[in-house]
Amino acid sequence: MPLRSVYNLLAYYLTLFFFATGGLGLCLFSWLTGWLPASEPTERFFQRLIHRHFALFHWWCEFARLVYVRYRGFEQLPRGGLVLAANHPALIDITCLLARVPEAVCIFKPAIRRNPVLGAAARRAGYLASDGGHELVRLTADKVATGHTLVIFPEGTRTPPGQPLLPFKPGFVLFARRAGVPIQLVRITTDSDVLTKDCAWWRLPRFPAHIEVTAGPLVATDTATSTAALTAEIETWFRADPSAAACQTWVPSISLSEQPPSVR
């Protein structure tokens, strides 16, 4: 086995160990601080804690020469409540986004509640389970309306490698409209199979991995366009060639802004 492959193998499993250890530490801390009220300040505190955990994780990944993440346009994200909708090629996507967005909420699969690495911290941060039904729409919209950023993948699961995007579910548009906030589109591209759908986490993926996370147009939701039509037009933008010119070419009937007016 080439020396580089041996290094990648050791560094990859060490990275997984660090990630799991950090997650367990977060969950233990969440359990020990269970006496804190389930209030908005407490949720924001744990959201920032998770943000720092993922930021440290990606610092390590770059230091170990495994994963390089490049962000484009994130310095221009608008202030206040926002729905951040992204495509989903790999599990590492959520860590890339939360490492850059300090106070964000997510919608997780119900099984995460029992996950020893993620469960307790996710609950304390105010993340919501996807089995909430109609109540999920209300709770999520309320959080976004108070100034949180909702990070969501409209496909609902990872896109199989080499396959087109899965159909978008309209829930993210419903959340944004009920909260009265715009939708920030984010395109994620990668040249590796790290944590993709068909690559088991214990298998060594291709390294180094290069991930590009690009902030696209800001979509206004206070329009007469129906929720289904708005969802379809946003999906069309994601399916378009990333090198395409103006976003308005791909989503002509919704309000888009290539440069959000309010920046961090």
Protein backbone atom coordinates (compact mmCIF):
# COMPACT_ATOMS: atom_id res chain seq x y z
CA MET A 1 0.00 0.00 0.00
CA PRO A 2 1.44 3.44 -0.93
CA LEU A 3 2.61 5.60 1.95
CA ARG A 4 -0.02 8.24 1.19
CA SER A 5 -2.79 5.63 1.39
CA VAL A 6 -1.50 4.43 4.75
CA TYR A 7 -1.48 8.01 6.03
CA ASN A 8 -5.04 8.63 4.73
CA LEU A 9 -6.27 5.45 6.39
CA LEU A 10 -4.80 6.34 9.79
CA ALA A 11 -5.80 10.01 9.59
CA TYR A 12 -9.35 9.15 8.52
CA TYR A 13 -10.03 6.78 11.39
CA LEU A 14 -8.37 9.16 13.84
CA THR A 15 -10.66 11.91 12.54
CA LEU A 16 -13.73 9.72 13.03
CA PHE A 17 -12.54 9.00 16.57
CA PHE A 18 -12.07 12.71 17.30
CA PHE A 19 -15.53 13.50 15.91
CA ALA A 20 -17.21 10.79 17.99
CA THR A 21 -15.30 11.78 21.12
CA GLY A 22 -16.24 15.42 20.68
CA GLY A 23 -19.87 14.49 20.11
CA LEU A 24 -19.95 12.30 23.20
CA GLY A 25 -18.44 15.15 25.19
CA LEU A 26 -21.14 17.50 23.92
CA CYS A 27 -23.87 15.03 24.85
CA LEU A 28 -22.39 14.52 28.31
CA PHE A 29 -22.24 18.26 28.85
CA SER A 30 -25.84 18.53 27.63
CA TRP A 31 -26.91 15.90 30.14
CA LEU A 32 -24.99 17.56 33.01
CA THR A 33 -26.60 20.90 32.24
CA GLY A 34 -30.09 19.44 32.09
CA TRP A 35 -31.09 21.76 34.93
CA LEU A 36 -30.93 24.73 32.55
CA PRO A 37 -34.39 25.79 31.32
CA ALA A 38 -35.40 24.87 27.77
CA SER A 39 -35.42 28.55 26.81
CA GLU A 40 -34.34 30.43 23.70
CA PRO A 41 -31.05 31.64 25.29
CA THR A 42 -30.22 28.04 26.26
CA GLU A 43 -30.95 26.81 22.74
CA ARG A 44 -28.80 29.55 21.22
CA PHE A 45 -25.97 28.64 23.61
CA PHE A 46 -26.02 25.01 22.49
CA GLN A 47 -26.35 26.00 18.84
CA ARG A 48 -23.15 28.02 19.16
CA LEU A 49 -21.50 25.13 21.00
CA ILE A 50 -22.33 22.76 18.12
CA HIS A 51 -21.14 25.42 15.67
CA ARG A 52 -17.74 25.60 17.40
CA HIS A 53 -17.52 21.81 17.55
CA PHE A 54 -18.00 21.54 13.78
CA ALA A 55 -15.70 24.50 13.09
CA LEU A 56 -12.97 22.74 15.10
CA PHE A 57 -13.71 19.50 13.27
CA HIS A 58 -13.18 21.14 9.89
CA TRP A 59 -10.05 22.90 11.10
CA TRP A 60 -8.70 19.46 11.98
CA CYS A 61 -9.77 17.97 8.63
CA GLU A 62 -7.84 20.67 6.77
CA PHE A 63 -4.86 20.40 9.12
CA ALA A 64 -4.79 16.63 8.48
CA ARG A 65 -5.00 17.32 4.72
CA LEU A 66 -8.15 15.26 4.35
CA VAL A 67 -10.96 17.71 3.57
CA TYR A 68 -10.72 21.25 2.25
CA VAL A 69 -13.89 23.36 2.35
CA ARG A 70 -14.20 26.58 0.39
CA TYR A 71 -17.06 28.97 1.10
CA ARG A 72 -18.30 31.49 -1.43
CA GLY A 73 -20.66 34.36 -0.63
CA PHE A 74 -21.31 33.43 3.00
CA GLU A 75 -20.08 36.81 4.21
CA GLN A 76 -23.18 38.25 2.52
CA LEU A 77 -25.83 36.12 4.21
CA PRO A 78 -28.69 38.31 5.45
CA ARG A 79 -29.26 38.97 9.13
CA GLY A 80 -32.17 37.62 11.12
CA GLY A 81 -34.48 34.72 10.39
CA LEU A 82 -33.70 32.73 7.29
CA VAL A 83 -34.30 29.35 5.67
CA LEU A 84 -31.05 28.03 4.21
CA ALA A 85 -31.83 25.34 1.61
CA ALA A 86 -29.00 23.25 0.16
CA ASN A 87 -28.51 20.17 -1.99
CA HIS A 88 -27.18 17.13 -0.15
CA PRO A 89 -24.41 15.05 -1.76
CA ALA A 90 -22.89 13.74 1.52
CA LEU A 91 -23.34 13.50 5.29
CA ILE A 92 -20.50 15.96 5.79
CA ASP A 93 -22.66 18.71 4.26
CA ILE A 94 -24.40 19.52 7.53
CA THR A 95 -21.09 19.91 9.35
CA CYS A 96 -19.89 22.32 6.64
CA LEU A 97 -22.99 24.48 7.02
CA LEU A 98 -23.20 24.48 10.82
CA ALA A 99 -19.48 25.24 11.02
CA ARG A 100 -20.25 28.52 9.25
CA VAL A 101 -23.68 29.44 10.69
CA PRO A 102 -23.42 30.16 14.46
CA GLU A 103 -27.10 29.99 15.44
CA ALA A 104 -28.97 27.46 13.35
CA VAL A 105 -31.71 24.92 13.87
CA CYS A 106 -32.08 21.66 11.95
CA ILE A 107 -34.72 19.02 11.36
CA PHE A 108 -33.33 15.58 12.17
CA LYS A 109 -34.49 12.01 11.74
CA PRO A 110 -36.27 10.64 14.85
CA ALA A 111 -33.54 8.01 15.36
CA ILE A 112 -31.07 10.83 16.17
CA ARG A 113 -32.80 11.24 19.53
CA ARG A 114 -31.14 8.00 20.67
CA ASN A 115 -27.78 8.66 19.01
CA PRO A 116 -25.11 8.90 21.75
CA VAL A 117 -22.91 11.20 19.64
CA LEU A 118 -25.57 13.68 18.52
CA GLY A 119 -28.86 13.15 20.33
CA ALA A 120 -28.67 15.08 23.62
CA ALA A 121 -26.89 18.12 22.17
CA ALA A 122 -29.35 18.28 19.24
CA ARG A 123 -32.31 18.31 21.62
CA ARG A 124 -30.76 21.02 23.82
CA ALA A 125 -30.06 23.13 20.73
CA GLY A 126 -33.75 23.08 19.86
CA TYR A 127 -33.43 20.89 16.78
CA LEU A 128 -36.69 19.30 15.74
CA ALA A 129 -37.56 15.73 14.77
CA SER A 130 -39.09 15.17 11.35
CA ASP A 131 -41.98 13.13 12.76
CA GLY A 132 -43.70 16.17 14.23
CA GLY A 133 -46.43 16.39 11.59
CA HIS A 134 -48.36 19.67 11.39
CA GLU A 135 -46.87 20.74 14.73
CA LEU A 136 -43.43 20.62 13.11
CA VAL A 137 -44.42 23.39 10.69
CA ARG A 138 -45.58 25.64 13.51
CA LEU A 139 -42.61 25.02 15.79
CA THR A 140 -40.06 25.44 13.01
CA ALA A 141 -41.66 28.61 11.68
CA ASP A 142 -41.78 30.07 15.19
CA LYS A 143 -38.06 29.46 15.69
CA VAL A 144 -37.17 30.99 12.33
CA ALA A 145 -39.42 33.99 12.99
CA THR A 146 -37.44 34.75 16.18
CA GLY A 147 -34.22 35.10 14.19
CA HIS A 148 -32.84 31.56 13.83
CA THR A 149 -31.48 30.17 10.58
CA LEU A 150 -33.10 26.89 9.54
CA VAL A 151 -30.64 24.64 7.68
CA ILE A 152 -32.55 22.16 5.55
CA PHE A 153 -32.04 19.78 2.64
CA PRO A 154 -35.19 19.84 0.47
CA GLU A 155 -34.41 16.39 -0.97
CA GLY A 156 -34.82 14.88 2.49
CA THR A 157 -31.84 12.53 2.03
CA ARG A 158 -28.50 12.37 0.23
CA THR A 159 -28.38 12.36 -3.54
CA PRO A 160 -26.99 9.02 -4.81
CA PRO A 161 -23.57 9.61 -6.45
CA GLY A 162 -23.79 10.17 -10.18
CA GLN A 163 -27.58 10.51 -10.04
CA PRO A 164 -29.72 13.63 -10.57
CA LEU A 165 -31.23 15.43 -7.61
CA LEU A 166 -34.11 13.74 -5.87
CA PRO A 167 -37.48 15.54 -6.03
CA PHE A 168 -37.70 18.47 -3.60
CA LYS A 169 -40.25 18.35 -0.80
CA PRO A 170 -42.19 21.61 -0.31
CA GLY A 171 -41.83 21.76 3.47
CA PHE A 172 -38.95 24.26 3.41
CA VAL A 173 -41.10 26.74 1.45
CA LEU A 174 -43.96 26.30 3.94
CA PHE A 175 -41.58 27.02 6.84
CA ALA A 176 -40.27 30.17 5.19
CA ARG A 177 -43.70 31.48 4.24
CA ARG A 178 -45.19 30.89 7.68
CA ALA A 179 -42.20 32.61 9.30
CA GLY A 180 -42.28 35.45 6.76
CA VAL A 181 -38.59 35.06 5.79
CA PRO A 182 -36.70 34.52 2.53
CA ILE A 183 -34.94 31.34 1.40
CA GLN A 184 -31.17 31.37 0.85
CA LEU A 185 -30.12 28.81 -1.73
CA VAL A 186 -26.76 27.08 -1.23
CA ARG A 187 -25.09 24.79 -3.74
CA ILE A 188 -22.65 22.15 -2.46
CA THR A 189 -20.22 20.35 -4.76
CA THR A 190 -17.53 17.79 -3.96
CA ASP A 191 -14.92 15.77 -5.83
CA SER A 192 -14.83 12.91 -3.34
CA ASP A 193 -17.04 10.07 -2.15
CA VAL A 194 -16.47 10.89 1.52
CA LEU A 195 -19.67 10.00 3.43
CA THR A 196 -21.76 9.82 0.27
CA LYS A 197 -24.82 7.58 0.09
CA ASP A 198 -23.11 4.56 -1.48
CA CYS A 199 -19.89 4.80 0.55
CA ALA A 200 -20.09 3.26 4.03
CA TRP A 201 -18.46 5.46 6.67
CA TRP A 202 -15.94 2.75 7.62
CA ARG A 203 -14.59 2.50 4.06
CA LEU A 204 -11.70 4.74 3.09
CA PRO A 205 -12.96 7.40 0.65
CA ARG A 206 -10.91 9.38 -1.85
CA PHE A 207 -8.64 11.95 -0.23
CA PRO A 208 -7.99 14.79 -0.23
CA ALA A 209 -11.61 15.88 -0.64
CA HIS A 210 -12.45 19.36 -1.91
CA ILE A 211 -15.88 20.74 -1.06
CA GLU A 212 -17.25 24.02 -2.36
CA VAL A 213 -20.18 25.63 -0.56
CA THR A 214 -21.61 28.52 -2.57
CA ALA A 215 -24.35 30.91 -1.49
CA GLY A 216 -26.73 31.37 -4.41
CA PRO A 217 -29.71 33.70 -4.79
CA LEU A 218 -31.93 34.90 -1.98
CA VAL A 219 -35.52 33.94 -2.80
CA ALA A 220 -38.41 36.09 -1.60
CA THR A 221 -41.40 34.04 -0.42
CA ASP A 222 -43.98 36.83 -0.14
CA THR A 223 -45.15 36.33 -3.72
CA ALA A 224 -48.34 35.11 -5.35
CA THR A 225 -46.55 32.03 -6.64
CA SER A 226 -47.98 28.83 -5.18
CA THR A 227 -45.89 26.76 -2.80
CA ALA A 228 -45.67 23.89 -5.30
CA ALA A 229 -44.62 26.21 -8.14
CA LEU A 230 -42.03 27.97 -5.97
CA THR A 231 -40.60 24.61 -4.89
CA ALA A 232 -40.39 23.45 -8.50
CA GLU A 233 -38.62 26.62 -9.64
CA ILE A 234 -36.07 26.40 -6.83
CA GLU A 235 -35.47 22.77 -7.75
CA THR A 236 -34.92 23.87 -11.35
CA TRP A 237 -32.21 26.28 -10.20
CA PHE A 238 -30.41 23.49 -8.34
CA ARG A 239 -30.62 21.21 -11.36
CA ALA A 240 -29.11 23.87 -13.62
CA ASP A 241 -25.45 23.93 -14.57
CA PRO A 242 -23.55 25.52 -11.62
CA SER A 243 -21.58 27.62 -14.11
CA ALA A 244 -24.77 29.08 -15.59
CA ALA A 245 -24.97 32.84 -15.66
CA ALA A 246 -27.74 34.83 -14.03
CA CYS A 247 -29.96 32.91 -11.64
CA GLN A 248 -32.95 34.80 -13.05
CA THR A 249 -32.47 32.80 -16.24
CA TRP A 250 -33.36 29.64 -14.33
CA VAL A 251 -35.97 30.94 -11.90
CA PRO A 252 -37.77 33.67 -13.83
CA SER A 253 -40.99 34.10 -11.89
CA ILE A 254 -39.73 34.37 -8.31
CA SER A 255 -37.92 37.24 -6.66
CA LEU A 256 -34.17 36.62 -6.60
CA SER A 257 -31.28 38.67 -5.36
CA GLU A 258 -27.72 37.73 -6.27
CA GLN A 259 -26.39 40.13 -3.63
CA PRO A 260 -28.53 40.03 -0.45
CA PRO A 261 -29.10 43.61 0.75
CA SER A 262 -28.37 43.03 4.44
CA VAL A 263 -25.04 41.42 5.29
CA ARG A 264 -23.29 40.12 8.37
